[in-house]
């Protein structure tokens, strides 16, 4: 259950920072490096959550 919450929240983080990188919304693209860092971190957490969730079902 907790891995599913991590997967959902990481998806929200990735969507927010991709939107900021693409359209300067909602954070007015203050730092491109921070946007890329948060996108990568969100993808990493999403992958880890996905793999833990798949392992728990097996």
C-alpha atoms as a PDB file:
ATOM      1  CA  UNK A   1       0.000   0.000   0.000  1.00  0.00           C
ATOM      2  CA  UNK A   2       2.807   2.398   0.861  1.00  0.00           C
ATOM      3  CA  UNK A   3       4.590   1.594  -2.402  1.00  0.00           C
ATOM      4  CA  UNK A   4       1.430   2.551  -4.304  1.00  0.00           C
ATOM      5  CA  UNK A   5       1.351   5.913  -2.503  1.00  0.00           C
ATOM      6  CA  UNK A   6       5.005   6.470  -3.439  1.00  0.00           C
ATOM      7  CA  UNK A   7       4.218   5.634  -7.055  1.00  0.00           C
ATOM      8  CA  UNK A   8       1.315   8.108  -7.182  1.00  0.00           C
ATOM      9  CA  UNK A   9       3.234  10.913  -5.469  1.00  0.00           C
ATOM     10  CA  UNK A  10       6.269  10.441  -7.683  1.00  0.00           C
ATOM     11  CA  UNK A  11       3.984  10.700 -10.708  1.00  0.00           C
ATOM     12  CA  UNK A  12       2.596  13.979  -9.384  1.00  0.00           C
ATOM     13  CA  UNK A  13       6.118  15.341  -8.820  1.00  0.00           C
ATOM     14  CA  UNK A  14       7.191  14.362 -12.339  1.00  0.00           C
ATOM     15  CA  UNK A  15       4.082  15.939 -13.892  1.00  0.00           C
ATOM     16  CA  UNK A  16       4.579  19.185 -11.936  1.00  0.00           C
ATOM     17  CA  UNK A  17       8.224  19.617 -12.881  1.00  0.00           C
ATOM     18  CA  UNK A  18       7.769  18.566 -16.519  1.00  0.00           C
ATOM     19  CA  UNK A  19       5.027  21.206 -16.746  1.00  0.00           C
ATOM     20  CA  UNK A  20       7.359  23.758 -15.174  1.00  0.00           C
ATOM     21  CA  UNK A  21      10.140  22.866 -17.583  1.00  0.00           C
ATOM     22  CA  UNK A  22       7.858  22.966 -20.620  1.00  0.00           C
ATOM     23  CA  UNK A  23       5.557  25.905 -19.866  1.00  0.00           C
ATOM     24  CA  UNK A  24       7.027  27.715 -16.835  1.00  0.00           C
ATOM     25  CA  UNK A  25       3.977  26.766 -14.795  1.00  0.00           C
ATOM     26  CA  UNK A  26       3.551  26.517 -11.716  1.00  0.00           C
ATOM     27  CA  UNK A  27       7.042  27.573 -10.544  1.00  0.00           C
ATOM     28  CA  UNK A  28       8.012  30.076 -13.297  1.00  0.00           C
ATOM     29  CA  UNK A  29      11.048  27.951 -14.276  1.00  0.00           C
ATOM     30  CA  UNK A  30      13.293  29.380 -11.565  1.00  0.00           C
ATOM     31  CA  UNK A  31      15.998  26.757 -12.108  1.00  0.00           C
ATOM     32  CA  UNK A  32      16.217  24.373 -15.043  1.00  0.00           C
ATOM     33  CA  UNK A  33      18.764  22.250 -13.182  1.00  0.00           C
ATOM     34  CA  UNK A  34      16.392  21.853 -10.229  1.00  0.00           C
ATOM     35  CA  UNK A  35      13.553  20.912 -12.601  1.00  0.00           C
ATOM     36  CA  UNK A  36      15.678  18.215 -14.209  1.00  0.00           C
ATOM     37  CA  UNK A  37      16.867  16.990 -10.812  1.00  0.00           C
ATOM     38  CA  UNK A  38      13.332  16.690  -9.459  1.00  0.00           C
ATOM     39  CA  UNK A  39      12.180  14.912 -12.627  1.00  0.00           C
ATOM     40  CA  UNK A  40      14.993  12.379 -12.313  1.00  0.00           C
ATOM     41  CA  UNK A  41      14.336  11.902  -8.602  1.00  0.00           C
ATOM     42  CA  UNK A  42      10.625  11.400  -9.251  1.00  0.00           C
ATOM     43  CA  UNK A  43      11.364   8.848 -11.952  1.00  0.00           C
ATOM     44  CA  UNK A  44      13.758   7.003  -9.651  1.00  0.00           C
ATOM     45  CA  UNK A  45      11.234   6.877  -6.800  1.00  0.00           C
ATOM     46  CA  UNK A  46       8.557   5.760  -9.263  1.00  0.00           C
ATOM     47  CA  UNK A  47      10.757   2.944 -10.528  1.00  0.00           C
ATOM     48  CA  UNK A  48      11.620   1.824  -7.008  1.00  0.00           C
ATOM     49  CA  UNK A  49       7.963   1.903  -5.973  1.00  0.00           C
ATOM     50  CA  UNK A  50       6.981  -0.049  -9.069  1.00  0.00           C
ATOM     51  CA  UNK A  51       9.594  -2.733  -8.463  1.00  0.00           C
ATOM     52  CA  UNK A  52       8.686  -3.098  -4.773  1.00  0.00           C
ATOM     53  CA  UNK A  53       5.001  -3.326  -5.671  1.00  0.00           C
ATOM     54  CA  UNK A  54       5.721  -6.015  -8.302  1.00  0.00           C
ATOM     55  CA  UNK A  55       7.900  -7.963  -5.869  1.00  0.00           C
ATOM     56  CA  UNK A  56       5.204  -7.841  -3.165  1.00  0.00           C
ATOM     57  CA  UNK A  57       2.650  -9.412  -5.537  1.00  0.00           C
ATOM     58  CA  UNK A  58       4.932 -12.340  -6.399  1.00  0.00           C
END
